[in-house]
């Protein structure tokens, strides 16, 4: 196996910590016309997840 340079592995700790505050949320939405379900997905800050799910 080839060795990897340590500078290539180094990560930005601040940006990785900020990215942990976001979540992908998927909500099933029923179509009033056909009755079939569609899915609305969004990337939401973890503090706003309940607001996203409760909104219509």
PDB file of N, CA and C in Angstrom:
ATOM      1  N   UNK A   1       0.833  -1.192   0.000  1.00  0.00           N
ATOM      2  CA  UNK A   1       0.000   0.000   0.000  1.00  0.00           C
ATOM      3  C   UNK A   1       0.868   1.243   0.000  1.00  0.00           C
ATOM      4  N   UNK A   2       0.406   2.262  -0.654  1.00  0.00           N
ATOM      5  CA  UNK A   2       1.138   3.518  -0.720  1.00  0.00           C
ATOM      6  C   UNK A   2       0.861   4.333   0.529  1.00  0.00           C
ATOM      7  N   UNK A   3       1.860   5.086   0.923  1.00  0.00           N
ATOM      8  CA  UNK A   3       1.697   5.962   2.077  1.00  0.00           C
ATOM      9  C   UNK A   3       1.047   7.267   1.630  1.00  0.00           C
ATOM     10  N   UNK A   4       0.252   7.830   2.507  1.00  0.00           N
ATOM     11  CA  UNK A   4      -0.439   9.075   2.220  1.00  0.00           C
ATOM     12  C   UNK A   4       0.234  10.182   3.005  1.00  0.00           C
ATOM     13  N   UNK A   5       0.397  11.322   2.381  1.00  0.00           N
ATOM     14  CA  UNK A   5       0.997  12.460   3.062  1.00  0.00           C
ATOM     15  C   UNK A   5       0.091  12.924   4.187  1.00  0.00           C
ATOM     16  N   UNK A   6       0.687  13.258   5.313  1.00  0.00           N
ATOM     17  CA  UNK A   6      -0.105  13.680   6.468  1.00  0.00           C
ATOM     18  C   UNK A   6      -0.839  14.989   6.214  1.00  0.00           C
ATOM     19  N   UNK A   7      -0.313  15.814   5.342  1.00  0.00           N
ATOM     20  CA  UNK A   7      -0.989  17.080   5.044  1.00  0.00           C
ATOM     21  C   UNK A   7      -2.286  16.849   4.275  1.00  0.00           C
ATOM     22  N   UNK A   8      -2.392  15.740   3.554  1.00  0.00           N
ATOM     23  CA  UNK A   8      -3.610  15.445   2.807  1.00  0.00           C
ATOM     24  C   UNK A   8      -4.722  14.973   3.734  1.00  0.00           C
ATOM     25  N   UNK A   9      -4.365  14.392   4.862  1.00  0.00           N
ATOM     26  CA  UNK A   9      -5.350  13.855   5.802  1.00  0.00           C
ATOM     27  C   UNK A   9      -5.873  14.944   6.736  1.00  0.00           C
ATOM     28  N   UNK A  10      -5.099  15.988   6.951  1.00  0.00           N
ATOM     29  CA  UNK A  10      -5.455  17.040   7.889  1.00  0.00           C
ATOM     30  C   UNK A  10      -6.783  17.675   7.493  1.00  0.00           C
ATOM     31  N   UNK A  11      -7.682  17.802   8.443  1.00  0.00           N
ATOM     32  CA  UNK A  11      -9.009  18.370   8.182  1.00  0.00           C
ATOM     33  C   UNK A  11      -9.174  19.683   8.919  1.00  0.00           C
ATOM     34  N   UNK A  12     -10.063  20.483   8.423  1.00  0.00           N
ATOM     35  CA  UNK A  12     -10.413  21.725   9.093  1.00  0.00           C
ATOM     36  C   UNK A  12     -11.411  21.382  10.196  1.00  0.00           C
ATOM     37  N   UNK A  13     -11.006  21.504  11.446  1.00  0.00           N
ATOM     38  CA  UNK A  13     -11.847  21.080  12.566  1.00  0.00           C
ATOM     39  C   UNK A  13     -13.077  21.969  12.736  1.00  0.00           C
ATOM     40  N   UNK A  14     -12.957  23.239  12.445  1.00  0.00           N
ATOM     41  CA  UNK A  14     -14.095  24.137  12.615  1.00  0.00           C
ATOM     42  C   UNK A  14     -15.218  23.798  11.641  1.00  0.00           C
ATOM     43  N   UNK A  15     -14.885  23.557  10.386  1.00  0.00           N
ATOM     44  CA  UNK A  15     -15.928  23.260   9.398  1.00  0.00           C
ATOM     45  C   UNK A  15     -16.560  21.898   9.653  1.00  0.00           C
ATOM     46  N   UNK A  16     -15.786  20.929  10.136  1.00  0.00           N
ATOM     47  CA  UNK A  16     -16.371  19.622  10.428  1.00  0.00           C
ATOM     48  C   UNK A  16     -17.281  19.694  11.644  1.00  0.00           C
ATOM     49  N   UNK A  17     -16.977  20.560  12.600  1.00  0.00           N
ATOM     50  CA  UNK A  17     -17.839  20.729  13.773  1.00  0.00           C
ATOM     51  C   UNK A  17     -19.140  21.419  13.374  1.00  0.00           C
ATOM     52  N   UNK A  18     -19.073  22.367  12.450  1.00  0.00           N
ATOM     53  CA  UNK A  18     -20.280  23.064  12.005  1.00  0.00           C
ATOM     54  C   UNK A  18     -21.179  22.165  11.176  1.00  0.00           C
ATOM     55  N   UNK A  19     -20.600  21.262  10.435  1.00  0.00           N
ATOM     56  CA  UNK A  19     -21.410  20.391   9.586  1.00  0.00           C
ATOM     57  C   UNK A  19     -22.216  19.385  10.405  1.00  0.00           C
ATOM     58  N   UNK A  20     -21.819  19.118  11.617  1.00  0.00           N
ATOM     59  CA  UNK A  20     -22.565  18.195  12.479  1.00  0.00           C
ATOM     60  C   UNK A  20     -23.869  18.812  12.968  1.00  0.00           C
ATOM     61  N   UNK A  21     -24.044  20.107  12.776  1.00  0.00           N
ATOM     62  CA  UNK A  21     -25.254  20.800  13.220  1.00  0.00           C
ATOM     63  C   UNK A  21     -26.371  20.755  12.196  1.00  0.00           C
ATOM     64  N   UNK A  22     -26.159  20.123  11.051  1.00  0.00           N
ATOM     65  CA  UNK A  22     -27.145  20.059   9.980  1.00  0.00           C
ATOM     66  C   UNK A  22     -27.637  18.631   9.799  1.00  0.00           C
ATOM     67  N   UNK A  23     -28.891  18.462   9.444  1.00  0.00           N
ATOM     68  CA  UNK A  23     -29.489  17.146   9.240  1.00  0.00           C
ATOM     69  C   UNK A  23     -30.303  17.140   7.955  1.00  0.00           C
ATOM     70  N   UNK A  24     -30.361  15.980   7.320  1.00  0.00           N
ATOM     71  CA  UNK A  24     -31.219  15.806   6.158  1.00  0.00           C
ATOM     72  C   UNK A  24     -32.558  15.291   6.670  1.00  0.00           C
ATOM     73  N   UNK A  25     -33.623  16.006   6.350  1.00  0.00           N
ATOM     74  CA  UNK A  25     -34.953  15.667   6.824  1.00  0.00           C
ATOM     75  C   UNK A  25     -35.824  15.326   5.620  1.00  0.00           C
ATOM     76  N   UNK A  26     -36.522  14.196   5.699  1.00  0.00           N
ATOM     77  CA  UNK A  26     -37.413  13.765   4.628  1.00  0.00           C
ATOM     78  C   UNK A  26     -38.822  13.687   5.191  1.00  0.00           C
ATOM     79  N   UNK A  27     -39.758  14.351   4.507  1.00  0.00           N
ATOM     80  CA  UNK A  27     -41.146  14.368   4.970  1.00  0.00           C
ATOM     81  C   UNK A  27     -42.040  13.866   3.857  1.00  0.00           C
ATOM     82  N   UNK A  28     -42.965  12.973   4.198  1.00  0.00           N
ATOM     83  CA  UNK A  28     -43.936  12.460   3.220  1.00  0.00           C
ATOM     84  C   UNK A  28     -45.087  13.456   3.125  1.00  0.00           C
ATOM     85  N   UNK A  29     -45.421  13.836   1.895  1.00  0.00           N
ATOM     86  CA  UNK A  29     -46.499  14.797   1.645  1.00  0.00           C
ATOM     87  C   UNK A  29     -47.507  14.130   0.727  1.00  0.00           C
ATOM     88  N   UNK A  30     -48.764  14.152   1.111  1.00  0.00           N
ATOM     89  CA  UNK A  30     -49.811  13.524   0.326  1.00  0.00           C
ATOM     90  C   UNK A  30     -50.384  14.516  -0.678  1.00  0.00           C
ATOM     91  N   UNK A  31     -50.498  14.090  -1.907  1.00  0.00           N
ATOM     92  CA  UNK A  31     -51.045  14.930  -2.964  1.00  0.00           C
ATOM     93  C   UNK A  31     -52.563  14.990  -2.820  1.00  0.00           C
ATOM     94  N   UNK A  32     -53.143  16.193  -2.782  1.00  0.00           N
ATOM     95  CA  UNK A  32     -54.602  16.283  -2.654  1.00  0.00           C
ATOM     96  C   UNK A  32     -55.320  15.825  -3.918  1.00  0.00           C
ATOM     97  N   UNK A  33     -54.664  15.876  -5.046  1.00  0.00           N
ATOM     98  CA  UNK A  33     -55.285  15.517  -6.317  1.00  0.00           C
ATOM     99  C   UNK A  33     -55.370  14.001  -6.509  1.00  0.00           C
ATOM    100  N   UNK A  34     -54.254  13.293  -6.298  1.00  0.00           N
ATOM    101  CA  UNK A  34     -54.218  11.851  -6.560  1.00  0.00           C
ATOM    102  C   UNK A  34     -54.214  11.001  -5.300  1.00  0.00           C
ATOM    103  N   UNK A  35     -53.831  11.588  -4.176  1.00  0.00           N
ATOM    104  CA  UNK A  35     -53.743  10.823  -2.934  1.00  0.00           C
ATOM    105  C   UNK A  35     -52.423  10.081  -2.784  1.00  0.00           C
ATOM    106  N   UNK A  36     -51.562  10.189  -3.776  1.00  0.00           N
ATOM    107  CA  UNK A  36     -50.260   9.529  -3.710  1.00  0.00           C
ATOM    108  C   UNK A  36     -49.303  10.357  -2.846  1.00  0.00           C
ATOM    109  N   UNK A  37     -48.350   9.684  -2.260  1.00  0.00           N
ATOM    110  CA  UNK A  37     -47.361  10.353  -1.442  1.00  0.00           C
ATOM    111  C   UNK A  37     -46.152  10.762  -2.276  1.00  0.00           C
ATOM    112  N   UNK A  38     -45.660  11.956  -2.009  1.00  0.00           N
ATOM    113  CA  UNK A  38     -44.383  12.408  -2.540  1.00  0.00           C
ATOM    114  C   UNK A  38     -43.514  12.759  -1.345  1.00  0.00           C
ATOM    115  N   UNK A  39     -42.248  12.873  -1.569  1.00  0.00           N
ATOM    116  CA  UNK A  39     -41.332  13.130  -0.472  1.00  0.00           C
ATOM    117  C   UNK A  39     -40.628  14.452  -0.675  1.00  0.00           C
ATOM    118  N   UNK A  40     -40.660  15.267   0.365  1.00  0.00           N
ATOM    119  CA  UNK A  40     -39.968  16.548   0.355  1.00  0.00           C
ATOM    120  C   UNK A  40     -38.766  16.395   1.264  1.00  0.00           C
ATOM    121  N   UNK A  41     -37.576  16.595   0.718  1.00  0.00           N
ATOM    122  CA  UNK A  41     -36.381  16.463   1.529  1.00  0.00           C
ATOM    123  C   UNK A  41     -35.601  17.761   1.519  1.00  0.00           C
ATOM    124  N   UNK A  42     -34.962  18.038   2.641  1.00  0.00           N
ATOM    125  CA  UNK A  42     -34.244  19.287   2.779  1.00  0.00           C
ATOM    126  C   UNK A  42     -33.129  19.113   3.802  1.00  0.00           C
ATOM    127  N   UNK A  43     -32.106  19.933   3.688  1.00  0.00           N
ATOM    128  CA  UNK A  43     -31.036  19.990   4.667  1.00  0.00           C
ATOM    129  C   UNK A  43     -31.391  21.134   5.612  1.00  0.00           C
ATOM    130  N   UNK A  44     -31.556  20.811   6.895  1.00  0.00           N
ATOM    131  CA  UNK A  44     -32.061  21.766   7.869  1.00  0.00           C
ATOM    132  C   UNK A  44     -31.123  21.800   9.075  1.00  0.00           C
ATOM    133  N   UNK A  45     -30.970  22.974   9.671  1.00  0.00           N
ATOM    134  CA  UNK A  45     -30.184  23.087  10.901  1.00  0.00           C
ATOM    135  C   UNK A  45     -30.900  22.309  12.001  1.00  0.00           C
ATOM    136  N   UNK A  46     -30.135  21.696  12.890  1.00  0.00           N
ATOM    137  CA  UNK A  46     -30.731  20.813  13.891  1.00  0.00           C
ATOM    138  C   UNK A  46     -31.706  21.529  14.822  1.00  0.00           C
ATOM    139  N   UNK A  47     -31.596  22.841  14.967  1.00  0.00           N
ATOM    140  CA  UNK A  47     -32.538  23.585  15.805  1.00  0.00           C
ATOM    141  C   UNK A  47     -33.875  23.818  15.102  1.00  0.00           C
ATOM    142  N   UNK A  48     -33.930  23.681  13.784  1.00  0.00           N
ATOM    143  CA  UNK A  48     -35.136  23.975  13.006  1.00  0.00           C
ATOM    144  C   UNK A  48     -35.868  22.729  12.513  1.00  0.00           C
ATOM    145  N   UNK A  49     -35.468  21.541  12.957  1.00  0.00           N
ATOM    146  CA  UNK A  49     -36.059  20.298  12.457  1.00  0.00           C
ATOM    147  C   UNK A  49     -37.536  20.208  12.817  1.00  0.00           C
ATOM    148  N   UNK A  50     -37.895  20.502  14.051  1.00  0.00           N
ATOM    149  CA  UNK A  50     -39.300  20.419  14.463  1.00  0.00           C
ATOM    150  C   UNK A  50     -40.164  21.421  13.710  1.00  0.00           C
ATOM    151  N   UNK A  51     -39.636  22.595  13.430  1.00  0.00           N
ATOM    152  CA  UNK A  51     -40.381  23.594  12.658  1.00  0.00           C
ATOM    153  C   UNK A  51     -40.628  23.105  11.241  1.00  0.00           C
ATOM    154  N   UNK A  52     -39.625  22.467  10.632  1.00  0.00           N
ATOM    155  CA  UNK A  52     -39.770  21.932   9.278  1.00  0.00           C
ATOM    156  C   UNK A  52     -40.821  20.839   9.222  1.00  0.00           C
ATOM    157  N   UNK A  53     -40.810  19.945  10.204  1.00  0.00           N
ATOM    158  CA  UNK A  53     -41.758  18.831  10.201  1.00  0.00           C
ATOM    159  C   UNK A  53     -43.177  19.269  10.541  1.00  0.00           C
ATOM    160  N   UNK A  54     -43.328  20.307  11.343  1.00  0.00           N
ATOM    161  CA  UNK A  54     -44.668  20.748  11.726  1.00  0.00           C
ATOM    162  C   UNK A  54     -45.303  21.652  10.672  1.00  0.00           C
ATOM    163  N   UNK A  55     -44.514  22.266   9.791  1.00  0.00           N
ATOM    164  CA  UNK A  55     -45.079  23.140   8.761  1.00  0.00           C
ATOM    165  C   UNK A  55     -45.757  22.329   7.672  1.00  0.00           C
ATOM    166  N   UNK A  56     -46.743  22.925   7.026  1.00  0.00           N
ATOM    167  CA  UNK A  56     -47.460  22.230   5.957  1.00  0.00           C
ATOM    168  C   UNK A  56     -47.271  22.910   4.658  1.00  0.00           C
TER     169      UNK A  56
END
